[in-house]
């Protein structure tokens, strides 16, 4: 259970980091909540899913693939925002993958 809570905290931190720039773009609150929940769940997925590759690459792949529905949602209000969402998803997914062993699975 401790690992699950740590992965939720990691996802929450990523959600806040990813949501701050979105808040400055004057997106509606539903979009901000959707982005935060996306990262909350992604924190769990990246920390507990291991693809047969490096941790950082595994996080980047999972982050990029799971951002597709969010890109569709946001592109209705801000058509140019899909590129930002893809980049931030890959970067934050990569960071979660990099630090997953240090924070979640430390002994």
N, C-alpha and C. Protein backbone atom coordinates (compact mmCIF):
# COMPACT_ATOMS: atom_id res chain seq x y z
N UNK A 1 0.82 -1.19 0.00
CA UNK A 1 0.00 0.00 0.00
C UNK A 1 0.86 1.26 0.00
N UNK A 2 2.01 1.17 0.64
CA UNK A 2 2.91 2.34 0.68
C UNK A 2 3.39 2.72 -0.72
N UNK A 3 3.66 1.73 -1.55
CA UNK A 3 4.08 2.00 -2.93
C UNK A 3 2.97 2.69 -3.72
N UNK A 4 1.74 2.27 -3.48
CA UNK A 4 0.61 2.87 -4.18
C UNK A 4 0.46 4.33 -3.80
N UNK A 5 0.58 4.64 -2.52
CA UNK A 5 0.46 6.03 -2.06
C UNK A 5 1.59 6.88 -2.64
N UNK A 6 2.80 6.33 -2.67
CA UNK A 6 3.93 7.07 -3.25
C UNK A 6 3.71 7.32 -4.74
N UNK A 7 3.16 6.34 -5.44
CA UNK A 7 2.91 6.55 -6.87
C UNK A 7 1.81 7.58 -7.08
N UNK A 8 0.81 7.63 -6.19
CA UNK A 8 -0.22 8.68 -6.26
C UNK A 8 0.39 10.06 -6.01
N UNK A 9 1.29 10.15 -5.06
CA UNK A 9 1.94 11.44 -4.78
C UNK A 9 2.80 11.87 -5.96
N UNK A 10 3.48 10.93 -6.58
CA UNK A 10 4.28 11.24 -7.77
C UNK A 10 3.39 11.71 -8.91
N UNK A 11 2.26 11.05 -9.11
CA UNK A 11 1.31 11.47 -10.14
C UNK A 11 0.69 12.82 -9.83
N UNK A 12 0.43 13.09 -8.55
CA UNK A 12 -0.11 14.40 -8.16
C UNK A 12 0.88 15.52 -8.45
N UNK A 13 2.14 15.27 -8.15
CA UNK A 13 3.17 16.27 -8.43
C UNK A 13 3.26 16.54 -9.93
N UNK A 14 3.22 15.48 -10.72
CA UNK A 14 3.26 15.65 -12.18
C UNK A 14 2.02 16.37 -12.68
N UNK A 15 0.86 16.09 -12.06
CA UNK A 15 -0.38 16.76 -12.44
C UNK A 15 -0.33 18.25 -12.16
N UNK A 16 0.26 18.63 -11.06
CA UNK A 16 0.39 20.05 -10.73
C UNK A 16 1.37 20.72 -11.69
N UNK A 17 2.50 20.06 -11.94
CA UNK A 17 3.49 20.63 -12.87
C UNK A 17 2.90 20.77 -14.27
N UNK A 18 2.18 19.76 -14.72
CA UNK A 18 1.58 19.82 -16.06
C UNK A 18 0.39 20.75 -16.15
N UNK A 19 -0.30 20.97 -15.04
CA UNK A 19 -1.51 21.79 -15.05
C UNK A 19 -1.28 23.28 -14.91
N UNK A 20 -0.17 23.67 -14.33
CA UNK A 20 0.09 25.11 -14.13
C UNK A 20 0.12 25.87 -15.46
N UNK A 21 0.87 25.42 -16.46
CA UNK A 21 0.84 26.15 -17.73
C UNK A 21 -0.53 26.13 -18.40
N UNK A 22 -1.29 25.05 -18.19
CA UNK A 22 -2.62 24.97 -18.78
C UNK A 22 -3.55 25.99 -18.13
N UNK A 23 -3.37 26.24 -16.84
CA UNK A 23 -4.21 27.22 -16.14
C UNK A 23 -3.99 28.62 -16.70
N UNK A 24 -2.77 28.93 -17.11
CA UNK A 24 -2.48 30.25 -17.67
C UNK A 24 -3.03 30.43 -19.09
N UNK A 25 -3.49 29.33 -19.70
CA UNK A 25 -4.07 29.41 -21.04
C UNK A 25 -5.58 29.63 -20.98
N UNK A 26 -6.10 29.84 -19.79
CA UNK A 26 -7.52 30.10 -19.56
C UNK A 26 -8.43 28.97 -20.07
N UNK A 27 -8.00 27.73 -19.87
CA UNK A 27 -8.85 26.59 -20.20
C UNK A 27 -9.88 26.42 -19.09
N UNK A 28 -10.98 25.77 -19.40
CA UNK A 28 -12.02 25.62 -18.39
C UNK A 28 -11.58 24.64 -17.30
N UNK A 29 -12.29 24.65 -16.19
CA UNK A 29 -11.89 23.85 -15.04
C UNK A 29 -12.03 22.36 -15.30
N UNK A 30 -12.95 21.95 -16.18
CA UNK A 30 -13.09 20.54 -16.49
C UNK A 30 -11.83 20.00 -17.18
N UNK A 31 -11.27 20.81 -18.04
CA UNK A 31 -10.05 20.40 -18.73
C UNK A 31 -8.89 20.29 -17.76
N UNK A 32 -8.79 21.22 -16.83
CA UNK A 32 -7.72 21.18 -15.84
C UNK A 32 -7.86 19.96 -14.93
N UNK A 33 -9.08 19.66 -14.53
CA UNK A 33 -9.31 18.49 -13.68
C UNK A 33 -8.99 17.21 -14.47
N UNK A 34 -9.39 17.17 -15.74
CA UNK A 34 -9.09 16.00 -16.57
C UNK A 34 -7.58 15.79 -16.70
N UNK A 35 -6.85 16.87 -16.87
CA UNK A 35 -5.39 16.77 -16.98
C UNK A 35 -4.78 16.29 -15.67
N UNK A 36 -5.27 16.81 -14.55
CA UNK A 36 -4.75 16.39 -13.25
C UNK A 36 -5.04 14.91 -13.00
N UNK A 37 -6.26 14.48 -13.29
CA UNK A 37 -6.62 13.07 -13.11
C UNK A 37 -5.82 12.18 -14.04
N UNK A 38 -5.55 12.68 -15.24
CA UNK A 38 -4.71 11.94 -16.18
C UNK A 38 -3.35 11.65 -15.55
N UNK A 39 -2.74 12.66 -14.95
CA UNK A 39 -1.43 12.49 -14.35
C UNK A 39 -1.48 11.70 -13.06
N UNK A 40 -2.56 11.81 -12.33
CA UNK A 40 -2.71 11.02 -11.12
C UNK A 40 -2.70 9.53 -11.46
N UNK A 41 -3.47 9.15 -12.46
CA UNK A 41 -3.51 7.75 -12.89
C UNK A 41 -2.20 7.36 -13.57
N UNK A 42 -1.64 8.28 -14.33
CA UNK A 42 -0.38 7.98 -15.01
C UNK A 42 0.75 7.74 -14.03
N UNK A 43 0.72 8.40 -12.89
CA UNK A 43 1.72 8.13 -11.86
C UNK A 43 1.68 6.68 -11.42
N UNK A 44 0.49 6.13 -11.31
CA UNK A 44 0.34 4.72 -10.95
C UNK A 44 0.79 3.82 -12.10
N UNK A 45 0.34 4.14 -13.30
CA UNK A 45 0.68 3.30 -14.46
C UNK A 45 2.18 3.23 -14.72
N UNK A 46 2.83 4.38 -14.71
CA UNK A 46 4.26 4.39 -15.04
C UNK A 46 5.08 3.71 -13.95
N UNK A 47 4.71 3.93 -12.69
CA UNK A 47 5.52 3.34 -11.63
C UNK A 47 5.32 1.84 -11.50
N UNK A 48 4.16 1.33 -11.88
CA UNK A 48 3.90 -0.09 -11.70
C UNK A 48 3.89 -0.90 -13.00
N UNK A 49 4.16 -0.25 -14.14
CA UNK A 49 4.24 -0.94 -15.42
C UNK A 49 5.67 -0.85 -15.93
N UNK A 50 6.21 -1.98 -16.29
CA UNK A 50 7.57 -2.00 -16.81
C UNK A 50 7.56 -2.60 -18.20
N UNK A 51 7.81 -1.76 -19.19
CA UNK A 51 7.98 -2.25 -20.56
C UNK A 51 9.40 -2.81 -20.68
N UNK A 52 9.67 -3.66 -21.65
CA UNK A 52 11.01 -4.25 -21.78
C UNK A 52 12.02 -3.25 -22.36
N UNK A 53 12.21 -2.16 -21.68
CA UNK A 53 13.15 -1.11 -22.10
C UNK A 53 13.59 -0.34 -20.86
N UNK A 54 14.29 0.75 -21.04
CA UNK A 54 14.72 1.58 -19.92
C UNK A 54 13.51 2.19 -19.22
N UNK A 55 13.66 2.47 -17.92
CA UNK A 55 12.56 3.06 -17.16
C UNK A 55 12.11 4.39 -17.75
N UNK A 56 13.05 5.24 -18.13
CA UNK A 56 12.69 6.56 -18.66
C UNK A 56 11.96 6.43 -19.99
N UNK A 57 12.38 5.49 -20.83
CA UNK A 57 11.72 5.29 -22.11
C UNK A 57 10.33 4.67 -21.93
N UNK A 58 10.23 3.78 -20.98
CA UNK A 58 8.93 3.19 -20.65
C UNK A 58 7.95 4.28 -20.21
N UNK A 59 8.41 5.20 -19.35
CA UNK A 59 7.56 6.30 -18.91
C UNK A 59 7.18 7.24 -20.04
N UNK A 60 8.13 7.50 -20.93
CA UNK A 60 7.86 8.39 -22.06
C UNK A 60 6.83 7.77 -23.01
N UNK A 61 6.94 6.48 -23.25
CA UNK A 61 5.99 5.80 -24.15
C UNK A 61 4.59 5.79 -23.54
N UNK A 62 4.51 5.40 -22.27
CA UNK A 62 3.21 5.35 -21.61
C UNK A 62 2.60 6.75 -21.51
N UNK A 63 3.42 7.74 -21.17
CA UNK A 63 2.94 9.12 -21.09
C UNK A 63 2.43 9.63 -22.42
N UNK A 64 3.15 9.35 -23.49
CA UNK A 64 2.73 9.80 -24.82
C UNK A 64 1.46 9.13 -25.30
N UNK A 65 1.37 7.83 -25.08
CA UNK A 65 0.19 7.10 -25.55
C UNK A 65 -1.07 7.46 -24.76
N UNK A 66 -0.93 7.63 -23.47
CA UNK A 66 -2.12 7.95 -22.67
C UNK A 66 -2.55 9.40 -22.80
N UNK A 67 -1.73 10.22 -23.41
CA UNK A 67 -2.10 11.63 -23.58
C UNK A 67 -3.00 11.85 -24.81
N UNK A 68 -3.17 10.85 -25.64
CA UNK A 68 -3.95 11.01 -26.86
C UNK A 68 -5.39 11.46 -26.60
N UNK A 69 -6.15 10.86 -25.66
CA UNK A 69 -7.51 11.36 -25.41
C UNK A 69 -7.52 12.80 -24.89
N UNK A 70 -6.56 13.14 -24.06
CA UNK A 70 -6.49 14.51 -23.54
C UNK A 70 -6.19 15.50 -24.66
N UNK A 71 -5.35 15.10 -25.62
CA UNK A 71 -5.05 15.98 -26.75
C UNK A 71 -6.31 16.25 -27.57
N UNK A 72 -7.14 15.25 -27.75
CA UNK A 72 -8.39 15.44 -28.49
C UNK A 72 -9.31 16.38 -27.73
N UNK A 73 -9.41 16.20 -26.42
CA UNK A 73 -10.28 17.04 -25.59
C UNK A 73 -9.85 18.50 -25.63
N UNK A 74 -8.57 18.75 -25.46
CA UNK A 74 -8.08 20.13 -25.39
C UNK A 74 -8.04 20.79 -26.76
N UNK A 75 -7.83 20.02 -27.81
CA UNK A 75 -7.74 20.63 -29.14
C UNK A 75 -9.05 21.27 -29.60
N UNK A 76 -10.15 20.95 -28.94
CA UNK A 76 -11.42 21.59 -29.27
C UNK A 76 -11.37 23.07 -28.86
N UNK A 77 -10.83 23.35 -27.68
CA UNK A 77 -10.74 24.72 -27.19
C UNK A 77 -9.50 25.45 -27.70
N UNK A 78 -8.39 24.75 -27.74
CA UNK A 78 -7.13 25.36 -28.14
C UNK A 78 -6.45 24.44 -29.15
N UNK A 79 -6.69 24.66 -30.45
CA UNK A 79 -6.19 23.73 -31.47
C UNK A 79 -4.67 23.56 -31.49
N UNK A 80 -3.94 24.55 -31.05
CA UNK A 80 -2.48 24.43 -31.08
C UNK A 80 -1.93 23.77 -29.82
N UNK A 81 -2.77 23.44 -28.86
CA UNK A 81 -2.30 22.90 -27.58
C UNK A 81 -1.93 21.43 -27.65
N UNK A 82 -2.28 20.73 -28.72
CA UNK A 82 -1.98 19.30 -28.78
C UNK A 82 -0.47 19.04 -28.73
N UNK A 83 0.31 19.91 -29.36
CA UNK A 83 1.77 19.73 -29.37
C UNK A 83 2.34 19.90 -27.96
N UNK A 84 1.84 20.91 -27.23
CA UNK A 84 2.29 21.11 -25.86
C UNK A 84 1.96 19.90 -25.01
N UNK A 85 0.74 19.37 -25.16
CA UNK A 85 0.32 18.22 -24.35
C UNK A 85 1.18 17.01 -24.65
N UNK A 86 1.48 16.78 -25.91
CA UNK A 86 2.31 15.64 -26.28
C UNK A 86 3.72 15.79 -25.69
N UNK A 87 4.30 16.96 -25.83
CA UNK A 87 5.66 17.18 -25.32
C UNK A 87 5.70 17.05 -23.80
N UNK A 88 4.77 17.71 -23.10
CA UNK A 88 4.79 17.66 -21.64
C UNK A 88 4.49 16.25 -21.15
N UNK A 89 3.65 15.51 -21.86
CA UNK A 89 3.34 14.14 -21.47
C UNK A 89 4.55 13.22 -21.61
N UNK A 90 5.27 13.38 -22.69
CA UNK A 90 6.47 12.57 -22.89
C UNK A 90 7.55 12.95 -21.87
N UNK A 91 7.74 14.24 -21.64
CA UNK A 91 8.77 14.69 -20.70
C UNK A 91 8.44 14.28 -19.27
N UNK A 92 7.20 14.54 -18.82
CA UNK A 92 6.83 14.16 -17.46
C UNK A 92 6.78 12.65 -17.29
N UNK A 93 6.33 11.93 -18.30
CA UNK A 93 6.36 10.47 -18.25
C UNK A 93 7.79 9.95 -18.13
N UNK A 94 8.69 10.58 -18.85
CA UNK A 94 10.11 10.23 -18.78
C UNK A 94 10.65 10.49 -17.37
N UNK A 95 10.30 11.62 -16.79
CA UNK A 95 10.77 11.94 -15.44
C UNK A 95 10.20 10.98 -14.40
N UNK A 96 8.94 10.63 -14.53
CA UNK A 96 8.35 9.66 -13.60
C UNK A 96 9.07 8.32 -13.75
N UNK A 97 9.33 7.93 -14.98
CA UNK A 97 10.06 6.68 -15.20
C UNK A 97 11.46 6.70 -14.63
N UNK A 98 12.12 7.86 -14.70
CA UNK A 98 13.47 7.98 -14.16
C UNK A 98 13.51 7.85 -12.65
N UNK A 99 12.54 8.45 -11.97
CA UNK A 99 12.61 8.48 -10.51
C UNK A 99 11.75 7.43 -9.83
N UNK A 100 11.13 6.57 -10.61
CA UNK A 100 10.24 5.55 -10.02
C UNK A 100 10.97 4.64 -9.05
N UNK A 101 12.15 4.19 -9.38
CA UNK A 101 12.88 3.29 -8.49
C UNK A 101 13.38 4.00 -7.25
N UNK A 102 13.74 5.27 -7.38
CA UNK A 102 14.29 6.01 -6.25
C UNK A 102 13.23 6.36 -5.21
N UNK A 103 12.03 6.66 -5.67
CA UNK A 103 10.99 7.11 -4.74
C UNK A 103 10.04 5.98 -4.35
N UNK A 104 9.55 5.25 -5.31
CA UNK A 104 8.50 4.26 -5.03
C UNK A 104 9.08 2.94 -4.56
N UNK A 105 10.13 2.47 -5.19
CA UNK A 105 10.64 1.14 -4.89
C UNK A 105 11.93 1.15 -4.07
N UNK A 106 12.22 2.24 -3.36
CA UNK A 106 13.43 2.27 -2.54
C UNK A 106 13.27 1.33 -1.36
N UNK A 107 14.36 0.79 -0.94
CA UNK A 107 14.34 -0.16 0.18
C UNK A 107 14.53 0.55 1.50
